[in-house]
C-alpha atoms as a PDB file:
ATOM      1  CA  MET A   1      69.562  97.198 110.074  1.00  0.00           C
ATOM      2  CA  ILE A   2      68.443  98.208 113.496  1.00  0.00           C
ATOM      3  CA  HIS A   3      69.836 101.154 115.520  1.00  0.00           C
ATOM      4  CA  ILE A   4      70.684 100.418 119.167  1.00  0.00           C
ATOM      5  CA  ASP A   5      71.236 103.338 121.426  1.00  0.00           C
ATOM      6  CA  GLU A   6      73.323 103.706 124.549  1.00  0.00           C
ATOM      7  CA  ALA A   7      70.303 103.165 126.902  1.00  0.00           C
ATOM      8  CA  ALA A   8      69.531  99.879 125.260  1.00  0.00           C
ATOM      9  CA  VAL A   9      73.147  98.699 125.426  1.00  0.00           C
ATOM     10  CA  ARG A  10      73.281  99.517 129.153  1.00  0.00           C
ATOM     11  CA  ALA A  11      69.998  97.779 129.815  1.00  0.00           C
ATOM     12  CA  HIS A  12      70.809  94.620 127.984  1.00  0.00           C
ATOM     13  CA  LEU A  13      74.457  94.094 128.894  1.00  0.00           C
ATOM     14  CA  PRO A  14      75.056  93.394 132.652  1.00  0.00           C
ATOM     15  CA  MET A  15      78.715  93.138 133.593  1.00  0.00           C
ATOM     16  CA  GLY A  16      78.483  89.601 134.857  1.00  0.00           C
ATOM     17  CA  LYS A  17      77.102  88.461 131.460  1.00  0.00           C
ATOM     18  CA  ALA A  18      79.741  90.422 129.611  1.00  0.00           C
ATOM     19  CA  VAL A  19      82.520  88.575 131.576  1.00  0.00           C
ATOM     20  CA  ASP A  20      80.943  85.255 130.526  1.00  0.00           C
ATOM     21  CA  LEU A  21      80.648  86.398 126.894  1.00  0.00           C
ATOM     22  CA  LEU A  22      84.284  87.359 126.709  1.00  0.00           C
ATOM     23  CA  GLU A  23      85.372  84.124 128.351  1.00  0.00           C
ATOM     24  CA  ALA A  24      83.504  82.224 125.631  1.00  0.00           C
ATOM     25  CA  ALA A  25      84.999  84.533 122.919  1.00  0.00           C
ATOM     26  CA  PHE A  26      88.600  84.009 124.070  1.00  0.00           C
ATOM     27  CA  ASP A  27      87.947  80.162 124.284  1.00  0.00           C
ATOM     28  CA  ASP A  28      86.676  80.385 120.628  1.00  0.00           C
ATOM     29  CA  TRP A  29      89.737  82.329 119.664  1.00  0.00           C
ATOM     30  CA  ARG A  30      91.989  79.716 121.171  1.00  0.00           C
ATOM     31  CA  ALA A  31      90.014  77.003 119.260  1.00  0.00           C
ATOM     32  CA  GLY A  32      90.357  78.791 115.899  1.00  0.00           C
ATOM     33  CA  ARG A  33      86.648  79.724 115.762  1.00  0.00           C
ATOM     34  CA  ALA A  34      87.299  83.529 116.115  1.00  0.00           C
ATOM     35  CA  PHE A  35      89.870  86.060 115.321  1.00  0.00           C
ATOM     36  CA  ASN A  36      90.800  89.699 115.997  1.00  0.00           C
ATOM     37  CA  GLN A  37      92.090  92.527 113.846  1.00  0.00           C
ATOM     38  CA  PRO A  38      94.163  94.984 115.701  1.00  0.00           C
ATOM     39  CA  ARG A  39      93.239  98.680 116.062  1.00  0.00           C
ATOM     40  CA  ARG A  40      94.438 101.130 113.375  1.00  0.00           C
ATOM     41  CA  ARG A  41      94.572 104.919 113.831  1.00  0.00           C
ATOM     42  CA  MET A  42      94.580 107.845 111.398  1.00  0.00           C
ATOM     43  CA  ALA A  43      95.521 111.295 112.745  1.00  0.00           C
ATOM     44  CA  MET A  44      94.221 114.499 111.168  1.00  0.00           C
ATOM     45  CA  PRO A  45      96.045 117.872 111.038  1.00  0.00           C
ATOM     46  CA  SER A  46      93.277 119.286 113.243  1.00  0.00           C
ATOM     47  CA  GLY A  47      94.100 116.931 116.133  1.00  0.00           C
ATOM     48  CA  ALA A  48      91.174 114.635 115.436  1.00  0.00           C
ATOM     49  CA  VAL A  49      91.923 110.835 115.263  1.00  0.00           C
ATOM     50  CA  LEU A  50      89.964 108.119 113.615  1.00  0.00           C
ATOM     51  CA  HIS A  51      90.307 104.652 115.261  1.00  0.00           C
ATOM     52  CA  ALA A  52      89.022 101.330 113.894  1.00  0.00           C
ATOM     53  CA  LEU A  53      89.159  97.739 115.143  1.00  0.00           C
ATOM     54  CA  ALA A  54      87.462  94.591 114.213  1.00  0.00           C
ATOM     55  CA  GLY A  55      86.748  90.987 115.026  1.00  0.00           C
ATOM     56  CA  TYR A  56      84.914  87.835 113.980  1.00  0.00           C
ATOM     57  CA  ASN A  57      83.277  84.771 115.611  1.00  0.00           C
ATOM     58  CA  GLU A  58      81.256  82.106 113.925  1.00  0.00           C
ATOM     59  CA  LYS A  59      77.918  84.007 114.239  1.00  0.00           C
ATOM     60  CA  TYR A  60      78.960  87.660 113.727  1.00  0.00           C
ATOM     61  CA  PHE A  61      81.682  89.966 112.598  1.00  0.00           C
ATOM     62  CA  GLY A  62      81.993  93.681 112.945  1.00  0.00           C
ATOM     63  CA  THR A  63      84.044  96.783 113.423  1.00  0.00           C
ATOM     64  CA  LYS A  64      84.075  99.565 115.913  1.00  0.00           C
ATOM     65  CA  VAL A  65      84.839 103.026 114.578  1.00  0.00           C
ATOM     66  CA  TYR A  66      85.334 105.990 116.841  1.00  0.00           C
ATOM     67  CA  ALA A  67      86.620 109.536 116.537  1.00  0.00           C
ATOM     68  CA  THR A  68      88.418 111.428 119.230  1.00  0.00           C
ATOM     69  CA  HIS A  69      89.723 114.966 119.740  1.00  0.00           C
ATOM     70  CA  ALA A  70      91.505 116.042 122.923  1.00  0.00           C
ATOM     71  CA  LYS A  71      89.606 119.351 123.036  1.00  0.00           C
ATOM     72  CA  HIS A  72      86.195 118.200 121.859  1.00  0.00           C
ATOM     73  CA  GLY A  73      85.502 114.682 122.977  1.00  0.00           C
ATOM     74  CA  ALA A  74      84.899 111.175 121.537  1.00  0.00           C
ATOM     75  CA  TRP A  75      82.228 109.338 119.655  1.00  0.00           C
ATOM     76  CA  PHE A  76      81.909 105.546 119.421  1.00  0.00           C
ATOM     77  CA  HIS A  77      79.907 103.352 117.103  1.00  0.00           C
ATOM     78  CA  PHE A  78      79.916  99.620 116.315  1.00  0.00           C
ATOM     79  CA  LEU A  79      78.766  97.936 113.063  1.00  0.00           C
ATOM     80  CA  LEU A  80      77.487  94.304 113.479  1.00  0.00           C
ATOM     81  CA  TYR A  81      77.123  91.874 110.464  1.00  0.00           C
ATOM     82  CA  ASP A  82      75.905  88.269 110.046  1.00  0.00           C
ATOM     83  CA  ALA A  83      78.897  86.020 109.580  1.00  0.00           C
ATOM     84  CA  ALA A  84      77.062  83.702 107.289  1.00  0.00           C
ATOM     85  CA  THR A  85      75.672  86.255 104.831  1.00  0.00           C
ATOM     86  CA  ALA A  86      77.539  89.460 105.411  1.00  0.00           C
ATOM     87  CA  ARG A  87      74.077  91.184 105.976  1.00  0.00           C
ATOM     88  CA  PRO A  88      74.356  94.334 108.081  1.00  0.00           C
ATOM     89  CA  LEU A  89      72.403  93.743 111.350  1.00  0.00           C
ATOM     90  CA  ALA A  90      72.812  96.671 113.716  1.00  0.00           C
ATOM     91  CA  LEU A  91      74.501 100.046 114.286  1.00  0.00           C
ATOM     92  CA  LEU A  92      75.177 100.387 118.019  1.00  0.00           C
ATOM     93  CA  GLU A  93      76.163 103.469 119.817  1.00  0.00           C
ATOM     94  CA  ALA A  94      79.215 102.111 121.566  1.00  0.00           C
ATOM     95  CA  ASN A  95      80.397 104.332 124.521  1.00  0.00           C
ATOM     96  CA  TRP A  96      78.778 102.028 127.157  1.00  0.00           C
ATOM     97  CA  LEU A  97      79.515  99.015 124.989  1.00  0.00           C
ATOM     98  CA  GLY A  98      83.274  99.846 125.223  1.00  0.00           C
ATOM     99  CA  GLN A  99      83.257 100.640 128.938  1.00  0.00           C
ATOM    100  CA  ILE A 100      81.522  97.406 129.769  1.00  0.00           C
ATOM    101  CA  ARG A 101      83.536  95.114 127.539  1.00  0.00           C
ATOM    102  CA  THR A 102      86.836  96.755 128.679  1.00  0.00           C
ATOM    103  CA  GLY A 103      85.843  96.136 132.257  1.00  0.00           C
ATOM    104  CA  ALA A 104      84.722  92.675 131.470  1.00  0.00           C
ATOM    105  CA  ALA A 105      88.158  91.738 130.011  1.00  0.00           C
ATOM    106  CA  SER A 106      89.731  92.783 133.362  1.00  0.00           C
ATOM    107  CA  GLY A 107      86.942  90.914 135.087  1.00  0.00           C
ATOM    108  CA  LEU A 108      87.833  87.625 133.262  1.00  0.00           C
ATOM    109  CA  ALA A 109      91.526  88.097 134.140  1.00  0.00           C
ATOM    110  CA  THR A 110      90.553  88.752 137.754  1.00  0.00           C
ATOM    111  CA  ARG A 111      88.371  85.669 137.834  1.00  0.00           C
ATOM    112  CA  ARG A 112      91.356  83.599 136.687  1.00  0.00           C
ATOM    113  CA  LEU A 113      94.369  85.325 138.346  1.00  0.00           C
ATOM    114  CA  ALA A 114      93.268  87.115 141.568  1.00  0.00           C
ATOM    115  CA  VAL A 115      93.209  85.497 144.957  1.00  0.00           C
ATOM    116  CA  ALA A 116      89.907  84.209 146.239  1.00  0.00           C
ATOM    117  CA  GLY A 117      87.735  86.805 147.823  1.00  0.00           C
ATOM    118  CA  PRO A 118      86.955  88.794 149.853  1.00  0.00           C
ATOM    119  CA  VAL A 119      89.519  91.232 148.340  1.00  0.00           C
ATOM    120  CA  THR A 120      90.596  94.848 148.805  1.00  0.00           C
ATOM    121  CA  VAL A 121      90.718  96.717 145.508  1.00  0.00           C
ATOM    122  CA  ALA A 122      92.888  99.807 144.761  1.00  0.00           C
ATOM    123  CA  VAL A 123      91.529 101.916 141.935  1.00  0.00           C
ATOM    124  CA  LEU A 124      93.961 104.375 140.418  1.00  0.00           C
ATOM    125  CA  GLY A 125      91.836 106.795 138.301  1.00  0.00           C
ATOM    126  CA  SER A 126      88.301 108.063 138.783  1.00  0.00           C
ATOM    127  CA  GLY A 127      86.734 108.292 135.298  1.00  0.00           C
ATOM    128  CA  PHE A 128      84.142 106.197 133.544  1.00  0.00           C
ATOM    129  CA  GLN A 129      86.662 103.411 132.706  1.00  0.00           C
ATOM    130  CA  ALA A 130      87.700 103.218 136.355  1.00  0.00           C
ATOM    131  CA  LYS A 131      84.040 102.632 137.315  1.00  0.00           C
ATOM    132  CA  GLY A 132      83.692  99.933 134.713  1.00  0.00           C
ATOM    133  CA  GLN A 133      86.825  98.208 136.057  1.00  0.00           C
ATOM    134  CA  LEU A 134      85.543  98.258 139.618  1.00  0.00           C
ATOM    135  CA  ASP A 135      82.106  96.888 138.468  1.00  0.00           C
ATOM    136  CA  ALA A 136      83.925  94.039 136.728  1.00  0.00           C
ATOM    137  CA  VAL A 137      85.926  93.030 139.752  1.00  0.00           C
ATOM    138  CA  ARG A 138      82.725  93.145 141.796  1.00  0.00           C
ATOM    139  CA  ALA A 139      81.149  90.791 139.307  1.00  0.00           C
ATOM    140  CA  VAL A 140      83.682  88.106 139.957  1.00  0.00           C
ATOM    141  CA  ARG A 141      84.921  88.565 143.494  1.00  0.00           C
ATOM    142  CA  GLU A 142      83.441  89.530 146.873  1.00  0.00           C
ATOM    143  CA  VAL A 143      84.947  93.083 147.495  1.00  0.00           C
ATOM    144  CA  SER A 144      85.317  94.002 151.075  1.00  0.00           C
ATOM    145  CA  ARG A 145      87.054  97.432 150.664  1.00  0.00           C
ATOM    146  CA  VAL A 146      87.793  99.850 147.850  1.00  0.00           C
ATOM    147  CA  LEU A 147      90.510 102.526 147.915  1.00  0.00           C
ATOM    148  CA  VAL A 148      90.561 105.181 145.179  1.00  0.00           C
ATOM    149  CA  TRP A 149      93.286 107.617 144.210  1.00  0.00           C
ATOM    150  CA  SER A 150      93.161 110.280 141.533  1.00  0.00           C
ATOM    151  CA  ARG A 151      95.448 113.234 140.736  1.00  0.00           C
ATOM    152  CA  LYS A 152      92.592 115.554 141.477  1.00  0.00           C
ATOM    153  CA  ARG A 153      91.270 114.834 144.955  1.00  0.00           C
ATOM    154  CA  GLU A 154      87.903 116.109 144.146  1.00  0.00           C
ATOM    155  CA  ASN A 155      87.451 113.501 141.434  1.00  0.00           C
ATOM    156  CA  ALA A 156      88.454 110.839 143.837  1.00  0.00           C
ATOM    157  CA  GLU A 157      85.962 112.051 146.357  1.00  0.00           C
ATOM    158  CA  ALA A 158      83.171 112.021 143.781  1.00  0.00           C
ATOM    159  CA  PHE A 159      84.124 108.508 142.804  1.00  0.00           C
ATOM    160  CA  ALA A 160      84.205 107.317 146.335  1.00  0.00           C
ATOM    161  CA  ALA A 161      80.793 108.768 147.064  1.00  0.00           C
ATOM    162  CA  GLU A 162      79.312 107.073 143.971  1.00  0.00           C
ATOM    163  CA  MET A 163      81.127 103.755 144.140  1.00  0.00           C
ATOM    164  CA  GLY A 164      81.395 103.077 147.865  1.00  0.00           C
ATOM    165  CA  ALA A 165      85.126 103.685 148.149  1.00  0.00           C
ATOM    166  CA  GLU A 166      87.620 105.382 150.451  1.00  0.00           C
ATOM    167  CA  VAL A 167      89.937 108.099 149.225  1.00  0.00           C
ATOM    168  CA  ALA A 168      93.637 107.242 149.451  1.00  0.00           C
ATOM    169  CA  GLU A 169      96.168 110.040 149.991  1.00  0.00           C
ATOM    170  CA  THR A 170      98.616 108.551 147.398  1.00  0.00           C
ATOM    171  CA  ALA A 171      98.649 105.828 144.753  1.00  0.00           C
ATOM    172  CA  ASP A 172     101.227 103.938 146.737  1.00  0.00           C
ATOM    173  CA  ALA A 173      99.132 104.068 149.894  1.00  0.00           C
ATOM    174  CA  ALA A 174      96.272 102.549 148.025  1.00  0.00           C
ATOM    175  CA  VAL A 175      98.366  99.816 146.299  1.00  0.00           C
ATOM    176  CA  ARG A 176     100.011  98.767 149.548  1.00  0.00           C
ATOM    177  CA  GLU A 177      96.611  97.689 150.970  1.00  0.00           C
ATOM    178  CA  ALA A 178      95.327  95.983 147.824  1.00  0.00           C
ATOM    179  CA  ASP A 179      94.766  92.399 146.649  1.00  0.00           C
ATOM    180  CA  VAL A 180      93.633  93.698 143.284  1.00  0.00           C
ATOM    181  CA  VAL A 181      94.977  96.880 141.749  1.00  0.00           C
ATOM    182  CA  VAL A 182      93.182  98.645 138.883  1.00  0.00           C
ATOM    183  CA  THR A 183      94.858 101.364 136.766  1.00  0.00           C
ATOM    184  CA  ALA A 184      92.663 103.400 134.514  1.00  0.00           C
ATOM    185  CA  THR A 185      94.334 106.721 133.913  1.00  0.00           C
ATOM    186  CA  PHE A 186      95.833 108.881 131.150  1.00  0.00           C
ATOM    187  CA  ALA A 187      99.214 108.806 132.890  1.00  0.00           C
ATOM    188  CA  LYS A 188     102.411 108.988 130.841  1.00  0.00           C
ATOM    189  CA  ASP A 189     104.665 107.620 133.588  1.00  0.00           C
ATOM    190  CA  PRO A 190     104.343 104.962 136.225  1.00  0.00           C
ATOM    191  CA  LEU A 191     101.781 105.696 138.970  1.00  0.00           C
ATOM    192  CA  PHE A 192     103.351 103.843 141.910  1.00  0.00           C
ATOM    193  CA  ASP A 193     106.484 102.102 143.166  1.00  0.00           C
ATOM    194  CA  ALA A 194     106.790  98.440 142.319  1.00  0.00           C
ATOM    195  CA  ALA A 195     107.912  97.776 145.949  1.00  0.00           C
ATOM    196  CA  SER A 196     104.420  98.855 147.061  1.00  0.00           C
ATOM    197  CA  VAL A 197     102.814  95.762 145.450  1.00  0.00           C
ATOM    198  CA  ARG A 198     102.415  92.940 147.975  1.00  0.00           C
ATOM    199  CA  PRO A 199     103.028  89.301 147.136  1.00  0.00           C
ATOM    200  CA  GLY A 200      99.722  87.768 145.962  1.00  0.00           C
ATOM    201  CA  THR A 201      98.498  90.927 144.291  1.00  0.00           C
ATOM    202  CA  HIS A 202      96.760  90.944 140.796  1.00  0.00           C
ATOM    203  CA  VAL A 203      96.994  94.058 138.693  1.00  0.00           C
ATOM    204  CA  ASN A 204      94.626  95.085 135.873  1.00  0.00           C
ATOM    205  CA  ALA A 205      96.350  97.759 133.765  1.00  0.00           C
ATOM    206  CA  ALA A 206      93.664  99.281 131.487  1.00  0.00           C
ATOM    207  CA  GLY A 207      94.418 102.925 131.103  1.00  0.00           C
ATOM    208  CA  SER A 208      97.125 103.153 128.411  1.00  0.00           C
ATOM    209  CA  ASN A 209      96.828 101.932 124.835  1.00  0.00           C
ATOM    210  CA  ALA A 210      99.492 104.208 123.414  1.00  0.00           C
ATOM    211  CA  ALA A 211     103.065 103.198 122.826  1.00  0.00           C
ATOM    212  CA  GLY A 212     104.540 106.142 124.635  1.00  0.00           C
ATOM    213  CA  ARG A 213     102.389 106.085 127.825  1.00  0.00           C
ATOM    214  CA  ARG A 214     102.473 103.649 130.785  1.00  0.00           C
ATOM    215  CA  GLU A 215     101.030 103.313 134.191  1.00  0.00           C
ATOM    216  CA  LEU A 216     103.077 100.397 135.605  1.00  0.00           C
ATOM    217  CA  PRO A 217     106.710 100.519 136.677  1.00  0.00           C
ATOM    218  CA  GLY A 218     109.054  98.140 134.695  1.00  0.00           C
ATOM    219  CA  ALA A 219     110.246  96.728 138.046  1.00  0.00           C
ATOM    220  CA  LEU A 220     106.723  95.375 138.642  1.00  0.00           C
ATOM    221  CA  LEU A 221     106.834  93.388 135.356  1.00  0.00           C
ATOM    222  CA  ALA A 222     110.213  91.903 136.481  1.00  0.00           C
ATOM    223  CA  ARG A 223     108.562  90.725 139.853  1.00  0.00           C
ATOM    224  CA  ALA A 224     105.464  89.342 138.260  1.00  0.00           C
ATOM    225  CA  SER A 225     105.095  85.540 137.894  1.00  0.00           C
ATOM    226  CA  ALA A 226     102.592  86.061 135.039  1.00  0.00           C
ATOM    227  CA  ILE A 227     102.045  88.838 132.493  1.00  0.00           C
ATOM    228  CA  VAL A 228      98.919  88.326 130.437  1.00  0.00           C
ATOM    229  CA  ALA A 229      97.785  90.458 127.525  1.00  0.00           C
ATOM    230  CA  ASP A 230      94.493  90.357 125.722  1.00  0.00           C
ATOM    231  CA  SER A 231      96.421  90.291 122.451  1.00  0.00           C
ATOM    232  CA  ILE A 232     100.223  90.104 122.115  1.00  0.00           C
ATOM    233  CA  GLU A 233     100.024  91.286 118.515  1.00  0.00           C
ATOM    234  CA  GLN A 234      98.076  94.440 119.482  1.00  0.00           C
ATOM    235  CA  ALA A 235     100.024  94.974 122.628  1.00  0.00           C
ATOM    236  CA  ARG A 236     103.225  95.127 120.583  1.00  0.00           C
ATOM    237  CA  MET A 237     101.662  98.035 118.721  1.00  0.00           C
ATOM    238  CA  GLU A 238     100.233 100.134 121.581  1.00  0.00           C
ATOM    239  CA  ALA A 239     100.730  98.713 125.048  1.00  0.00           C
ATOM    240  CA  GLY A 240     103.175 101.241 126.408  1.00  0.00           C
ATOM    241  CA  ASP A 241     103.309  99.390 129.846  1.00  0.00           C
ATOM    242  CA  LEU A 242     104.919  96.512 128.027  1.00  0.00           C
ATOM    243  CA  LEU A 243     106.790  98.297 125.237  1.00  0.00           C
ATOM    244  CA  LEU A 244     108.504 100.576 127.823  1.00  0.00           C
ATOM    245  CA  GLY A 245     108.890  98.009 130.518  1.00  0.00           C
ATOM    246  CA  LEU A 246     110.167  94.827 128.713  1.00  0.00           C
ATOM    247  CA  ASP A 247     113.072  93.889 126.616  1.00  0.00           C
ATOM    248  CA  GLU A 248     112.732  91.256 123.942  1.00  0.00           C
ATOM    249  CA  ALA A 249     113.369  88.446 126.461  1.00  0.00           C
ATOM    250  CA  GLY A 250     110.747  89.911 128.693  1.00  0.00           C
ATOM    251  CA  TRP A 251     108.239  89.702 125.842  1.00  0.00           C
ATOM    252  CA  GLY A 252     108.902  85.985 125.711  1.00  0.00           C
ATOM    253  CA  ARG A 253     107.145  85.717 129.096  1.00  0.00           C
ATOM    254  CA  VAL A 254     103.990  87.404 127.984  1.00  0.00           C
ATOM    255  CA  GLU A 255     100.888  85.145 127.651  1.00  0.00           C
ATOM    256  CA  GLU A 256      97.529  85.846 126.105  1.00  0.00           C
ATOM    257  CA  LEU A 257      94.208  85.794 127.821  1.00  0.00           C
ATOM    258  CA  ARG A 258      93.017  83.096 125.466  1.00  0.00           C
ATOM    259  CA  ASP A 259      95.726  80.808 126.817  1.00  0.00           C
ATOM    260  CA  GLY A 260      93.735  80.340 129.990  1.00  0.00           C
ATOM    261  CA  ARG A 261      96.393  81.078 132.607  1.00  0.00           C
ATOM    262  CA  VAL A 262      95.141  80.748 136.131  1.00  0.00           C
ATOM    263  CA  ARG A 263      96.740  81.663 139.518  1.00  0.00           C
ATOM    264  CA  GLN A 264      99.325  79.058 140.631  1.00  0.00           C
ATOM    265  CA  ASN A 265      99.789  79.958 144.281  1.00  0.00           C
ATOM    266  CA  ALA A 266      98.701  82.605 146.823  1.00  0.00           C
ATOM    267  CA  GLU A 267     102.032  84.535 146.688  1.00  0.00           C
ATOM    268  CA  GLU A 268     102.540  85.159 143.028  1.00  0.00           C
ATOM    269  CA  ILE A 269     102.095  88.594 141.476  1.00  0.00           C
ATOM    270  CA  THR A 270     100.071  88.670 138.313  1.00  0.00           C
ATOM    271  CA  VAL A 271      99.551  91.421 135.705  1.00  0.00           C
ATOM    272  CA  PHE A 272      96.932  91.740 132.998  1.00  0.00           C
ATOM    273  CA  LYS A 273      97.471  94.317 130.313  1.00  0.00           C
ATOM    274  CA  SER A 274      94.344  95.320 128.548  1.00  0.00           C
ATOM    275  CA  VAL A 275      94.298  97.334 125.235  1.00  0.00           C
ATOM    276  CA  GLY A 276      90.731  96.429 124.114  1.00  0.00           C
ATOM    277  CA  LEU A 277      89.904  94.212 121.140  1.00  0.00           C
ATOM    278  CA  GLY A 278      87.449  94.176 118.257  1.00  0.00           C
ATOM    279  CA  LEU A 279      86.645  90.577 119.101  1.00  0.00           C
ATOM    280  CA  GLU A 280      85.470  91.698 122.527  1.00  0.00           C
ATOM    281  CA  ASP A 281      83.121  94.221 120.865  1.00  0.00           C
ATOM    282  CA  VAL A 282      81.714  91.488 118.577  1.00  0.00           C
ATOM    283  CA  ALA A 283      80.956  89.208 121.474  1.00  0.00           C
ATOM    284  CA  VAL A 284      79.061  91.653 123.510  1.00  0.00           C
ATOM    285  CA  ALA A 285      77.347  93.497 120.519  1.00  0.00           C
ATOM    286  CA  GLY A 286      76.084  90.056 119.279  1.00  0.00           C
ATOM    287  CA  TRP A 287      74.460  89.487 122.700  1.00  0.00           C
ATOM    288  CA  VAL A 288      72.825  92.848 122.785  1.00  0.00           C
ATOM    289  CA  TYR A 289      71.520  92.330 119.282  1.00  0.00           C
ATOM    290  CA  GLU A 290      70.071  88.940 120.075  1.00  0.00           C
ATOM    291  CA  SER A 291      68.517  90.211 123.265  1.00  0.00           C
ATOM    292  CA  LEU A 292      66.580  92.902 121.257  1.00  0.00           C
ATOM    293  CA  CYS A 293      65.802  90.944 118.161  1.00  0.00           C
ATOM    294  CA  GLY A 294      64.097  88.303 120.245  1.00  0.00           C
ATOM    295  CA  ARG A 295      61.479  90.937 120.864  1.00  0.00           C
ATOM    296  CA  GLY A 296      61.004  91.784 117.243  1.00  0.00           C
ATOM    297  CA  LEU A 297      62.255  95.430 117.584  1.00  0.00           C
ATOM    298  CA  GLU A 298      63.086  97.198 114.378  1.00  0.00           C
ATOM    299  CA  ASN A 299      64.504 100.404 115.918  1.00  0.00           C
ATOM    300  CA  VAL A 300      65.710 100.850 119.445  1.00  0.00           C
END
């Protein structure tokens, strides 16, 4: 088993390639050649939480295990196995792996559901996931303008300087200008008014994967022509945006990314709700492993 560190993951997993890998993974899932095991969590009395999620394709299977504590941080690792023999192949440090594959899922949704570029992007949030989300949109669309909003203006200003964006005064002000909206925050309540979303807008909601938190207003889901999740099964467990914004009839409108939904016209509003899947980790971890093993490396 080789060890693959964060630097190696970042060097061997460009965002554009990750989007293509996830497209192939979701196609395989639709065809029955892959599957996903939803995330499970175990909370400790100390406030620490253990998270685990897994997936399989015809070449590899694996599981991501990570530990988080609100006061102390988060640590991510992924174990990759050979699907034919169950032989352990690699232990990957998985912070960058997670950021890139989470962005890539939204990149794939943007490729299929956003209007053709050039586009204006509104980014709500200014952390590392927000950066990955913007990188993914840039991988699949020409981006002419980026507006960023964060609850702390100094964070928005730092993001803008690094990522080539403008700081918006409010979330609604950013959304009103956007063709693509990205949400990547820890918000518990909706970030903007549904009326701020223009016809033709695509929304990538990637921040919340907890049942009691949401970034999107329920009225936006009512307006949307398409609501797409990476996994309905997992979304029903932890996608607060959908759990708090849809009744049971509304859930009947939700499609999955593997279904291949594409934009139908220039005016429809589309929403992608991302919670992050083990299958996505398998797809990108397998690529990184192959990139390194082709060079005969035993420890990276």
